Amino acid sequence: LEVETAVASISTQYHWVAQQELLLRSYEQLLASLQQYAQWMQTVFDAGQIRKSDILLATLEVNRQKANVLRQREVLESAKRQFNQLLARDPLTPFAIPELSTLPGTLPKTYDRSVILSNNLRLQWLESEKRAIALELAEWNAERYPKLQLSAGYSYNKTDNQAGFLLFNRNHGWNAQLGAQWNLFDANRL
């Protein structure tokens, strides 16, 4: 279970790093496009076709995107440090994600519950806990039902006296008892 948890954590963190890398690349591409747009706007302004406020808006958008790129670089570096820590390496160990256009490892469209349950120890443990709790609940509910008691026995008793009113006494035979018990009110203790 610990090995599965560790592998799942490492895999999840790797995909997180890859996702942040793709996001950074898209932010950088958008920044490059905005910078080209700002240069084009400057050229158009120099020709006298647009107002100065349009150039300022384009410059503002470029600066906003630069801030997004810087923020995304910090998120990526943090994700890489966490990934290195999961691998028990120095957090500052550099590594690169291969050039990706999409994230690897697409999930299947259909899930077979038996295959997933047979391969995951945590799910197996949770399934056994579920069965144990169901049995415990059934036992707990059984306390509310009426109880029947049945007992049977055979007795033999012989008494001999030398003097007295009764000189000889003998009892023998079968006996049976049937009883029922049902709590009408248990003060809400169950």
N, C-alpha and C. Protein backbone atom coordinates (compact mmCIF):
# COMPACT_ATOMS: atom_id res chain seq x y z
N LEU A 1 0.83 -1.19 0.00
CA LEU A 1 0.00 0.00 0.00
C LEU A 1 0.87 1.25 0.00
N GLU A 2 1.96 1.22 0.77
CA GLU A 2 2.87 2.37 0.78
C GLU A 2 3.54 2.56 -0.57
N VAL A 3 3.92 1.46 -1.22
CA VAL A 3 4.56 1.56 -2.53
C VAL A 3 3.58 2.13 -3.54
N GLU A 4 2.32 1.62 -3.51
CA GLU A 4 1.32 2.16 -4.43
C GLU A 4 1.08 3.64 -4.20
N THR A 5 1.03 4.04 -2.94
CA THR A 5 0.81 5.45 -2.61
C THR A 5 1.99 6.30 -3.11
N ALA A 6 3.21 5.80 -2.92
CA ALA A 6 4.39 6.55 -3.36
C ALA A 6 4.41 6.68 -4.88
N VAL A 7 4.13 5.59 -5.59
CA VAL A 7 4.12 5.63 -7.05
C VAL A 7 3.01 6.57 -7.55
N ALA A 8 1.86 6.52 -6.91
CA ALA A 8 0.76 7.41 -7.32
C ALA A 8 1.13 8.86 -7.08
N SER A 9 1.78 9.16 -5.95
CA SER A 9 2.19 10.53 -5.66
C SER A 9 3.22 11.03 -6.68
N ILE A 10 4.19 10.19 -7.00
CA ILE A 10 5.22 10.58 -7.97
C ILE A 10 4.60 10.79 -9.35
N SER A 11 3.73 9.88 -9.75
CA SER A 11 3.07 10.00 -11.06
C SER A 11 2.21 11.26 -11.14
N THR A 12 1.44 11.52 -10.08
CA THR A 12 0.59 12.70 -10.05
C THR A 12 1.42 13.98 -10.10
N GLN A 13 2.51 14.00 -9.36
CA GLN A 13 3.36 15.19 -9.35
C GLN A 13 4.05 15.39 -10.70
N TYR A 14 4.47 14.30 -11.35
CA TYR A 14 5.08 14.42 -12.68
C TYR A 14 4.08 15.01 -13.67
N HIS A 15 2.85 14.55 -13.63
CA HIS A 15 1.84 15.10 -14.53
C HIS A 15 1.55 16.56 -14.21
N TRP A 16 1.60 16.91 -12.93
CA TRP A 16 1.40 18.30 -12.54
C TRP A 16 2.53 19.18 -13.11
N VAL A 17 3.78 18.69 -13.02
CA VAL A 17 4.92 19.43 -13.57
C VAL A 17 4.76 19.57 -15.08
N ALA A 18 4.36 18.47 -15.75
CA ALA A 18 4.17 18.53 -17.20
C ALA A 18 3.07 19.51 -17.57
N GLN A 19 2.01 19.54 -16.81
CA GLN A 19 0.91 20.47 -17.08
C GLN A 19 1.38 21.92 -16.89
N GLN A 20 2.14 22.17 -15.84
CA GLN A 20 2.64 23.53 -15.60
C GLN A 20 3.64 23.94 -16.68
N GLU A 21 4.42 22.98 -17.17
CA GLU A 21 5.37 23.26 -18.26
C GLU A 21 4.61 23.66 -19.53
N LEU A 22 3.55 22.91 -19.86
CA LEU A 22 2.74 23.26 -21.03
C LEU A 22 2.09 24.63 -20.87
N LEU A 23 1.62 24.91 -19.67
CA LEU A 23 0.99 26.20 -19.42
C LEU A 23 2.00 27.34 -19.56
N LEU A 24 3.22 27.12 -19.06
CA LEU A 24 4.27 28.14 -19.21
C LEU A 24 4.59 28.39 -20.69
N ARG A 25 4.69 27.31 -21.46
CA ARG A 25 4.98 27.47 -22.89
C ARG A 25 3.87 28.25 -23.60
N SER A 26 2.63 27.96 -23.23
CA SER A 26 1.53 28.70 -23.88
C SER A 26 1.54 30.17 -23.46
N TYR A 27 1.86 30.45 -22.19
CA TYR A 27 1.97 31.84 -21.73
C TYR A 27 3.08 32.57 -22.48
N GLU A 28 4.22 31.88 -22.69
CA GLU A 28 5.34 32.50 -23.41
C GLU A 28 4.99 32.77 -24.87
N GLN A 29 4.26 31.84 -25.49
CA GLN A 29 3.82 32.06 -26.87
C GLN A 29 2.85 33.24 -26.95
N LEU A 30 1.96 33.34 -25.99
CA LEU A 30 1.03 34.46 -25.97
C LEU A 30 1.78 35.77 -25.76
N LEU A 31 2.79 35.76 -24.88
CA LEU A 31 3.60 36.96 -24.66
C LEU A 31 4.31 37.38 -25.95
N ALA A 32 4.87 36.43 -26.67
CA ALA A 32 5.55 36.76 -27.92
C ALA A 32 4.56 37.36 -28.93
N SER A 33 3.36 36.80 -28.99
CA SER A 33 2.34 37.36 -29.90
C SER A 33 1.95 38.77 -29.48
N LEU A 34 1.78 39.00 -28.17
CA LEU A 34 1.42 40.33 -27.69
C LEU A 34 2.53 41.35 -27.94
N GLN A 35 3.78 40.92 -27.83
CA GLN A 35 4.88 41.82 -28.10
C GLN A 35 4.91 42.21 -29.59
N GLN A 36 4.66 41.25 -30.45
CA GLN A 36 4.59 41.56 -31.88
C GLN A 36 3.43 42.52 -32.16
N TYR A 37 2.31 42.27 -31.48
CA TYR A 37 1.15 43.15 -31.65
C TYR A 37 1.48 44.56 -31.18
N ALA A 38 2.18 44.68 -30.04
CA ALA A 38 2.55 46.00 -29.51
C ALA A 38 3.50 46.71 -30.49
N GLN A 39 4.44 45.98 -31.09
CA GLN A 39 5.34 46.58 -32.08
C GLN A 39 4.56 47.05 -33.31
N TRP A 40 3.62 46.25 -33.74
CA TRP A 40 2.79 46.63 -34.89
C TRP A 40 1.99 47.88 -34.57
N MET A 41 1.43 47.94 -33.32
CA MET A 41 0.66 49.11 -32.90
C MET A 41 1.56 50.36 -32.90
N GLN A 42 2.83 50.20 -32.46
CA GLN A 42 3.76 51.33 -32.45
C GLN A 42 4.01 51.81 -33.88
N THR A 43 4.17 50.86 -34.80
CA THR A 43 4.37 51.23 -36.20
C THR A 43 3.16 51.97 -36.76
N VAL A 44 1.97 51.49 -36.43
CA VAL A 44 0.75 52.14 -36.90
C VAL A 44 0.60 53.51 -36.26
N PHE A 45 1.01 53.66 -34.99
CA PHE A 45 0.94 54.96 -34.32
C PHE A 45 1.91 55.95 -34.96
N ASP A 46 3.11 55.44 -35.28
CA ASP A 46 4.10 56.31 -35.93
C ASP A 46 3.60 56.81 -37.28
N ALA A 47 2.75 56.00 -37.91
CA ALA A 47 2.18 56.41 -39.19
C ALA A 47 1.01 57.37 -38.98
N GLY A 48 0.58 57.54 -37.73
CA GLY A 48 -0.49 58.47 -37.41
C GLY A 48 -1.88 57.90 -37.57
N GLN A 49 -2.02 56.60 -37.50
CA GLN A 49 -3.31 55.97 -37.75
C GLN A 49 -4.13 55.73 -36.47
N ILE A 50 -3.48 55.60 -35.29
CA ILE A 50 -4.21 55.30 -34.05
C ILE A 50 -3.81 56.26 -32.96
N ARG A 51 -4.54 56.22 -31.86
CA ARG A 51 -4.28 57.10 -30.72
C ARG A 51 -3.19 56.50 -29.81
N LYS A 52 -2.63 57.32 -28.96
CA LYS A 52 -1.60 56.90 -27.99
C LYS A 52 -2.20 55.94 -26.96
N SER A 53 -3.48 56.09 -26.62
CA SER A 53 -4.11 55.21 -25.64
C SER A 53 -4.15 53.76 -26.13
N ASP A 54 -4.24 53.54 -27.42
CA ASP A 54 -4.24 52.17 -27.96
C ASP A 54 -2.88 51.52 -27.75
N ILE A 55 -1.83 52.29 -27.92
CA ILE A 55 -0.47 51.76 -27.67
C ILE A 55 -0.29 51.46 -26.19
N LEU A 56 -0.79 52.35 -25.36
CA LEU A 56 -0.67 52.12 -23.92
C LEU A 56 -1.44 50.89 -23.48
N LEU A 57 -2.60 50.65 -24.06
CA LEU A 57 -3.37 49.44 -23.75
C LEU A 57 -2.62 48.19 -24.19
N ALA A 58 -2.00 48.22 -25.36
CA ALA A 58 -1.22 47.07 -25.84
C ALA A 58 -0.02 46.83 -24.93
N THR A 59 0.64 47.93 -24.50
CA THR A 59 1.79 47.79 -23.59
C THR A 59 1.34 47.24 -22.24
N LEU A 60 0.19 47.70 -21.79
CA LEU A 60 -0.36 47.19 -20.53
C LEU A 60 -0.63 45.69 -20.63
N GLU A 61 -1.17 45.26 -21.74
CA GLU A 61 -1.45 43.83 -21.92
C GLU A 61 -0.16 43.02 -21.97
N VAL A 62 0.89 43.57 -22.60
CA VAL A 62 2.19 42.89 -22.63
C VAL A 62 2.74 42.75 -21.21
N ASN A 63 2.65 43.83 -20.43
CA ASN A 63 3.15 43.79 -19.04
C ASN A 63 2.35 42.80 -18.19
N ARG A 64 1.05 42.76 -18.41
CA ARG A 64 0.20 41.81 -17.68
C ARG A 64 0.61 40.37 -18.01
N GLN A 65 0.88 40.12 -19.28
CA GLN A 65 1.28 38.77 -19.68
C GLN A 65 2.68 38.42 -19.16
N LYS A 66 3.57 39.41 -19.08
CA LYS A 66 4.90 39.17 -18.49
C LYS A 66 4.76 38.74 -17.03
N ALA A 67 3.83 39.38 -16.31
CA ALA A 67 3.58 39.01 -14.91
C ALA A 67 3.04 37.58 -14.83
N ASN A 68 2.16 37.21 -15.77
CA ASN A 68 1.65 35.84 -15.79
C ASN A 68 2.76 34.83 -16.04
N VAL A 69 3.69 35.17 -16.95
CA VAL A 69 4.81 34.27 -17.25
C VAL A 69 5.70 34.12 -16.01
N LEU A 70 6.00 35.23 -15.33
CA LEU A 70 6.84 35.15 -14.12
C LEU A 70 6.16 34.32 -13.04
N ARG A 71 4.86 34.53 -12.86
CA ARG A 71 4.10 33.78 -11.85
C ARG A 71 4.09 32.29 -12.20
N GLN A 72 3.91 31.98 -13.48
CA GLN A 72 3.88 30.58 -13.90
C GLN A 72 5.25 29.92 -13.75
N ARG A 73 6.33 30.67 -13.96
CA ARG A 73 7.67 30.11 -13.74
C ARG A 73 7.86 29.73 -12.27
N GLU A 74 7.34 30.57 -11.38
CA GLU A 74 7.44 30.25 -9.94
C GLU A 74 6.65 29.00 -9.60
N VAL A 75 5.45 28.87 -10.16
CA VAL A 75 4.63 27.68 -9.92
C VAL A 75 5.35 26.43 -10.45
N LEU A 76 5.95 26.55 -11.62
CA LEU A 76 6.66 25.42 -12.21
C LEU A 76 7.87 25.04 -11.36
N GLU A 77 8.63 26.01 -10.91
CA GLU A 77 9.79 25.71 -10.06
C GLU A 77 9.37 25.05 -8.75
N SER A 78 8.29 25.51 -8.18
CA SER A 78 7.77 24.89 -6.95
C SER A 78 7.35 23.45 -7.20
N ALA A 79 6.67 23.20 -8.31
CA ALA A 79 6.25 21.84 -8.65
C ALA A 79 7.45 20.93 -8.88
N LYS A 80 8.51 21.46 -9.52
CA LYS A 80 9.72 20.67 -9.74
C LYS A 80 10.42 20.34 -8.42
N ARG A 81 10.43 21.31 -7.49
CA ARG A 81 11.03 21.04 -6.18
C ARG A 81 10.27 19.94 -5.44
N GLN A 82 8.95 19.99 -5.49
CA GLN A 82 8.15 18.95 -4.84
C GLN A 82 8.38 17.59 -5.49
N PHE A 83 8.50 17.57 -6.81
CA PHE A 83 8.78 16.31 -7.51
C PHE A 83 10.14 15.75 -7.09
N ASN A 84 11.15 16.60 -7.00
CA ASN A 84 12.47 16.15 -6.55
C ASN A 84 12.42 15.63 -5.12
N GLN A 85 11.64 16.25 -4.27
CA GLN A 85 11.52 15.78 -2.89
C GLN A 85 10.86 14.41 -2.84
N LEU A 86 9.86 14.17 -3.69
CA LEU A 86 9.23 12.85 -3.73
C LEU A 86 10.20 11.78 -4.19
N LEU A 87 11.15 12.16 -5.05
CA LEU A 87 12.17 11.22 -5.52
C LEU A 87 13.35 11.14 -4.57
N ALA A 88 13.28 11.85 -3.45
CA ALA A 88 14.35 11.87 -2.43
C ALA A 88 15.65 12.40 -3.02
N ARG A 89 15.52 13.43 -3.87
CA ARG A 89 16.69 14.09 -4.44
C ARG A 89 16.78 15.48 -3.85
N ASP A 90 17.91 16.12 -4.15
CA ASP A 90 18.06 17.51 -3.76
C ASP A 90 16.96 18.32 -4.47
N PRO A 91 16.21 19.14 -3.73
CA PRO A 91 15.10 19.89 -4.35
C PRO A 91 15.52 20.79 -5.50
N LEU A 92 16.79 21.18 -5.56
CA LEU A 92 17.24 22.07 -6.62
C LEU A 92 17.83 21.32 -7.82
N THR A 93 17.71 20.00 -7.85
CA THR A 93 18.22 19.22 -8.98
C THR A 93 17.45 19.59 -10.24
N PRO A 94 18.16 20.05 -11.27
CA PRO A 94 17.44 20.46 -12.49
C PRO A 94 17.02 19.24 -13.33
N PHE A 95 15.90 19.35 -13.97
CA PHE A 95 15.45 18.35 -14.94
C PHE A 95 14.48 19.04 -15.88
N ALA A 96 14.28 18.41 -17.02
CA ALA A 96 13.39 19.00 -18.03
C ALA A 96 12.36 17.97 -18.45
N ILE A 97 11.19 18.46 -18.74
CA ILE A 97 10.13 17.62 -19.27
C ILE A 97 10.30 17.59 -20.79
N PRO A 98 10.20 16.43 -21.42
CA PRO A 98 10.33 16.38 -22.88
C PRO A 98 9.28 17.26 -23.55
N GLU A 99 9.57 17.64 -24.77
CA GLU A 99 8.65 18.49 -25.53
C GLU A 99 7.34 17.76 -25.73
N LEU A 100 6.27 18.32 -25.20
CA LEU A 100 4.96 17.69 -25.27
C LEU A 100 3.96 18.65 -25.90
N SER A 101 3.03 18.10 -26.64
CA SER A 101 1.94 18.94 -27.12
C SER A 101 0.69 18.71 -26.28
N THR A 102 0.58 17.51 -25.70
CA THR A 102 -0.50 17.19 -24.76
C THR A 102 0.09 16.37 -23.64
N LEU A 103 -0.69 16.19 -22.59
CA LEU A 103 -0.23 15.38 -21.47
C LEU A 103 -0.29 13.90 -21.82
N PRO A 104 0.72 13.12 -21.41
CA PRO A 104 0.70 11.68 -21.70
C PRO A 104 -0.27 10.95 -20.79
N GLY A 105 -0.57 9.71 -21.18
CA GLY A 105 -1.35 8.84 -20.31
C GLY A 105 -2.83 9.18 -20.28
N THR A 106 -3.48 9.14 -21.40
CA THR A 106 -4.91 9.39 -21.39
C THR A 106 -5.62 8.22 -20.73
N LEU A 107 -6.65 8.51 -19.99
CA LEU A 107 -7.40 7.48 -19.28
C LEU A 107 -8.37 6.79 -20.22
N PRO A 108 -8.63 5.50 -19.97
CA PRO A 108 -9.60 4.80 -20.82
C PRO A 108 -11.01 5.34 -20.60
N LYS A 109 -11.84 5.20 -21.60
CA LYS A 109 -13.22 5.71 -21.52
C LYS A 109 -14.07 4.84 -20.61
N THR A 110 -13.82 3.52 -20.59
CA THR A 110 -14.61 2.62 -19.75
C THR A 110 -13.72 2.07 -18.65
N TYR A 111 -14.34 1.79 -17.54
CA TYR A 111 -13.63 1.26 -16.38
C TYR A 111 -14.22 -0.09 -16.02
N ASP A 112 -13.37 -1.09 -15.86
CA ASP A 112 -13.81 -2.39 -15.40
C ASP A 112 -13.53 -2.46 -13.91
N ARG A 113 -14.58 -2.45 -13.11
CA ARG A 113 -14.45 -2.40 -11.66
C ARG A 113 -13.65 -3.57 -11.12
N SER A 114 -13.82 -4.76 -11.67
CA SER A 114 -13.11 -5.92 -11.16
C SER A 114 -11.61 -5.80 -11.39
N VAL A 115 -11.20 -5.25 -12.52
CA VAL A 115 -9.76 -5.09 -12.81
C VAL A 115 -9.17 -4.04 -11.87
N ILE A 116 -9.88 -2.93 -11.70
CA ILE A 116 -9.39 -1.88 -10.82
C ILE A 116 -9.29 -2.39 -9.38
N LEU A 117 -10.30 -3.11 -8.92
CA LEU A 117 -10.31 -3.62 -7.56
C LEU A 117 -9.23 -4.67 -7.34
N SER A 118 -8.98 -5.50 -8.35
CA SER A 118 -7.98 -6.55 -8.18
C SER A 118 -6.56 -6.00 -8.20
N ASN A 119 -6.35 -4.82 -8.76
CA ASN A 119 -5.00 -4.26 -8.86
C ASN A 119 -4.69 -3.21 -7.81
N ASN A 120 -5.65 -2.80 -7.02
CA ASN A 120 -5.43 -1.72 -6.07
C ASN A 120 -5.63 -2.24 -4.65
N LEU A 121 -4.53 -2.28 -3.89
CA LEU A 121 -4.60 -2.80 -2.53
C LEU A 121 -5.44 -1.92 -1.61
N ARG A 122 -5.39 -0.62 -1.82
CA ARG A 122 -6.17 0.28 -0.97
C ARG A 122 -7.67 0.05 -1.18
N LEU A 123 -8.07 -0.13 -2.43
CA LEU A 123 -9.48 -0.42 -2.69
C LEU A 123 -9.89 -1.77 -2.12
N GLN A 124 -9.00 -2.75 -2.18
CA GLN A 124 -9.30 -4.05 -1.58
C GLN A 124 -9.47 -3.92 -0.08
N TRP A 125 -8.60 -3.16 0.55
CA TRP A 125 -8.70 -2.96 1.99
C TRP A 125 -10.01 -2.24 2.34
N LEU A 126 -10.35 -1.21 1.56
CA LEU A 126 -11.60 -0.49 1.81
C LEU A 126 -12.82 -1.39 1.58
N GLU A 127 -12.74 -2.28 0.61
CA GLU A 127 -13.85 -3.22 0.36
C GLU A 127 -14.02 -4.18 1.54
N SER A 128 -12.92 -4.66 2.11
CA SER A 128 -13.02 -5.55 3.27
C SER A 128 -13.54 -4.79 4.49
N GLU A 129 -13.14 -3.53 4.64
CA GLU A 129 -13.68 -2.71 5.73
C GLU A 129 -15.18 -2.50 5.57
N LYS A 130 -15.61 -2.33 4.34
CA LYS A 130 -17.03 -2.15 4.06
C LYS A 130 -17.82 -3.39 4.46
N ARG A 131 -17.29 -4.58 4.14
CA ARG A 131 -17.96 -5.83 4.52
C ARG A 131 -18.00 -5.98 6.04
N ALA A 132 -16.90 -5.63 6.72
CA ALA A 132 -16.86 -5.75 8.17
C ALA A 132 -17.86 -4.80 8.83
N ILE A 133 -17.98 -3.60 8.30
CA ILE A 133 -18.93 -2.64 8.86
C ILE A 133 -20.36 -3.11 8.61
N ALA A 134 -20.63 -3.71 7.46
CA ALA A 134 -21.97 -4.22 7.17
C ALA A 134 -22.34 -5.34 8.14
N LEU A 135 -21.37 -6.23 8.43
CA LEU A 135 -21.64 -7.29 9.41
C LEU A 135 -21.86 -6.72 10.81
N GLU A 136 -21.08 -5.73 11.17
CA GLU A 136 -21.25 -5.10 12.48
C GLU A 136 -22.60 -4.40 12.58
N LEU A 137 -23.04 -3.77 11.51
CA LEU A 137 -24.34 -3.13 11.49
C LEU A 137 -25.46 -4.15 11.60
N ALA A 138 -25.32 -5.28 10.92
CA ALA A 138 -26.33 -6.34 11.03
C ALA A 138 -26.40 -6.89 12.45
N GLU A 139 -25.25 -7.04 13.08
CA GLU A 139 -25.21 -7.50 14.47
C GLU A 139 -25.86 -6.48 15.40
N TRP A 140 -25.59 -5.22 15.15
CA TRP A 140 -26.17 -4.16 15.96
C TRP A 140 -27.69 -4.11 15.80
N ASN A 141 -28.17 -4.28 14.57
CA ASN A 141 -29.61 -4.29 14.33
C ASN A 141 -30.28 -5.52 14.92
N ALA A 142 -29.55 -6.63 15.04
CA ALA A 142 -30.12 -7.85 15.60
C ALA A 142 -30.51 -7.68 17.07
N GLU A 143 -29.88 -6.74 17.74
CA GLU A 143 -30.22 -6.48 19.15
C GLU A 143 -31.64 -5.93 19.29
N ARG A 144 -32.21 -5.40 18.25
CA ARG A 144 -33.55 -4.83 18.31
C ARG A 144 -34.65 -5.88 18.11
N TYR A 145 -34.29 -7.04 17.59
CA TYR A 145 -35.29 -8.06 17.30
C TYR A 145 -35.67 -8.82 18.57
N PRO A 146 -36.86 -9.43 18.61
CA PRO A 146 -37.23 -10.24 19.77
C PRO A 146 -36.31 -11.45 19.89
N LYS A 147 -36.18 -11.93 21.12
CA LYS A 147 -35.32 -13.08 21.38
C LYS A 147 -36.17 -14.23 21.91
N LEU A 148 -35.93 -15.41 21.38
CA LEU A 148 -36.60 -16.62 21.85
C LEU A 148 -35.59 -17.46 22.60
N GLN A 149 -36.06 -18.04 23.73
CA GLN A 149 -35.20 -18.90 24.52
C GLN A 149 -35.90 -20.24 24.68
N LEU A 150 -35.17 -21.30 24.48
CA LEU A 150 -35.72 -22.65 24.61
C LEU A 150 -34.73 -23.45 25.43
N SER A 151 -35.26 -24.11 26.46
CA SER A 151 -34.40 -24.99 27.26
C SER A 151 -35.19 -26.26 27.56
N ALA A 152 -34.46 -27.34 27.61
CA ALA A 152 -35.08 -28.64 27.89
C ALA A 152 -34.16 -29.42 28.81
N GLY A 153 -34.72 -30.35 29.53
CA GLY A 153 -33.91 -31.15 30.43
C GLY A 153 -34.66 -32.36 30.94
N TYR A 154 -33.92 -33.21 31.62
CA TYR A 154 -34.49 -34.41 32.23
C TYR A 154 -34.01 -34.42 33.66
N SER A 155 -34.92 -34.68 34.58
CA SER A 155 -34.53 -34.70 35.99
C SER A 155 -34.94 -36.03 36.62
N TYR A 156 -34.15 -36.45 37.59
CA TYR A 156 -34.42 -37.67 38.35
C TYR A 156 -34.05 -37.38 39.80
N ASN A 157 -34.98 -37.66 40.69
CA ASN A 157 -34.76 -37.40 42.11
C ASN A 157 -35.37 -38.54 42.90
N LYS A 158 -34.58 -39.14 43.82
CA LYS A 158 -35.06 -40.25 44.64
C LYS A 158 -34.69 -39.97 46.09
N THR A 159 -35.68 -40.09 46.99
CA THR A 159 -35.46 -39.84 48.40
C THR A 159 -35.95 -41.05 49.20
N ASP A 160 -35.07 -41.59 50.09
CA ASP A 160 -35.44 -42.70 51.00
C ASP A 160 -35.32 -42.20 52.44
N ASN A 161 -36.36 -42.40 53.25
CA ASN A 161 -36.36 -42.04 54.67
C ASN A 161 -36.68 -43.28 55.49
N GLN A 162 -36.06 -43.43 56.62
CA GLN A 162 -36.32 -44.55 57.51
C GLN A 162 -37.53 -44.29 58.40
N ALA A 163 -37.73 -43.03 58.73
CA ALA A 163 -38.86 -42.71 59.60
C ALA A 163 -39.55 -41.47 59.06
N GLY A 164 -40.76 -41.32 59.39
CA GLY A 164 -41.46 -40.13 58.97
C GLY A 164 -42.67 -40.46 58.14
N PHE A 165 -43.31 -39.47 57.77
CA PHE A 165 -44.55 -39.63 57.01
C PHE A 165 -44.26 -40.18 55.61
N LEU A 166 -43.21 -39.73 55.01
CA LEU A 166 -42.86 -40.14 53.66
C LEU A 166 -41.64 -41.04 53.72
N LEU A 167 -41.81 -42.32 53.45
CA LEU A 167 -40.68 -43.24 53.50
C LEU A 167 -39.91 -43.28 52.18
N PHE A 168 -40.61 -43.10 51.10
CA PHE A 168 -39.97 -43.23 49.80
C PHE A 168 -40.59 -42.20 48.85
N ASN A 169 -39.72 -41.44 48.11
CA ASN A 169 -40.20 -40.46 47.15
C ASN A 169 -39.28 -40.49 45.92
N ARG A 170 -39.88 -40.58 44.77
CA ARG A 170 -39.10 -40.60 43.54
C ARG A 170 -39.81 -39.72 42.50
N ASN A 171 -39.03 -38.77 41.91
CA ASN A 171 -39.52 -37.89 40.84
C ASN A 171 -38.59 -38.03 39.64
N HIS A 172 -39.18 -38.13 38.50
CA HIS A 172 -38.36 -38.13 37.27
C HIS A 172 -39.25 -37.70 36.11
N GLY A 173 -38.56 -37.18 35.05
CA GLY A 173 -39.33 -36.77 33.89
C GLY A 173 -38.63 -35.67 33.10
N TRP A 174 -39.23 -35.39 31.98
CA TRP A 174 -38.71 -34.38 31.08
C TRP A 174 -39.35 -33.03 31.41
N ASN A 175 -38.59 -31.99 31.19
CA ASN A 175 -39.17 -30.65 31.33
C ASN A 175 -38.64 -29.76 30.20
N ALA A 176 -39.44 -28.78 29.84
CA ALA A 176 -39.06 -27.86 28.76
C ALA A 176 -39.57 -26.48 29.11
N GLN A 177 -38.82 -25.49 28.66
CA GLN A 177 -39.22 -24.10 28.87
C GLN A 177 -39.07 -23.34 27.56
N LEU A 178 -40.02 -22.48 27.29
CA LEU A 178 -39.98 -21.62 26.12
C LEU A 178 -40.24 -20.21 26.61
N GLY A 179 -39.37 -19.30 26.21
CA GLY A 179 -39.52 -17.91 26.65
C GLY A 179 -39.27 -16.95 25.50
N ALA A 180 -39.88 -15.81 25.59
CA ALA A 180 -39.68 -14.76 24.59
C ALA A 180 -39.35 -13.46 25.30
N GLN A 181 -38.47 -12.69 24.68
CA GLN A 181 -38.07 -11.41 25.27
C GLN A 181 -38.02 -10.36 24.18
N TRP A 182 -38.60 -9.22 24.47
CA TRP A 182 -38.60 -8.13 23.50
C TRP A 182 -38.57 -6.83 24.27
N ASN A 183 -37.56 -6.00 24.01
CA ASN A 183 -37.47 -4.70 24.67
C ASN A 183 -38.43 -3.73 24.00
N LEU A 184 -39.35 -3.22 24.77
CA LEU A 184 -40.26 -2.22 24.23
C LEU A 184 -39.63 -0.84 24.24
N PHE A 185 -38.82 -0.56 25.26
CA PHE A 185 -38.14 0.72 25.34
C PHE A 185 -36.81 0.50 26.03
N ASP A 186 -35.73 0.91 25.37
CA ASP A 186 -34.39 0.71 25.94
C ASP A 186 -33.69 2.04 26.22
N ALA A 187 -34.44 3.11 26.34
CA ALA A 187 -33.90 4.43 26.65
C ALA A 187 -32.93 4.92 25.57
N ASN A 188 -33.16 4.49 24.33
CA ASN A 188 -32.36 4.89 23.18
C ASN A 188 -30.88 4.56 23.33
N ARG A 189 -30.57 3.45 23.96
CA ARG A 189 -29.18 3.05 24.14
C ARG A 189 -28.63 2.30 22.93
N LEU A 190 -29.44 1.78 22.05
CA LEU A 190 -28.93 1.03 20.89
C LEU A 190 -28.65 1.93 19.74
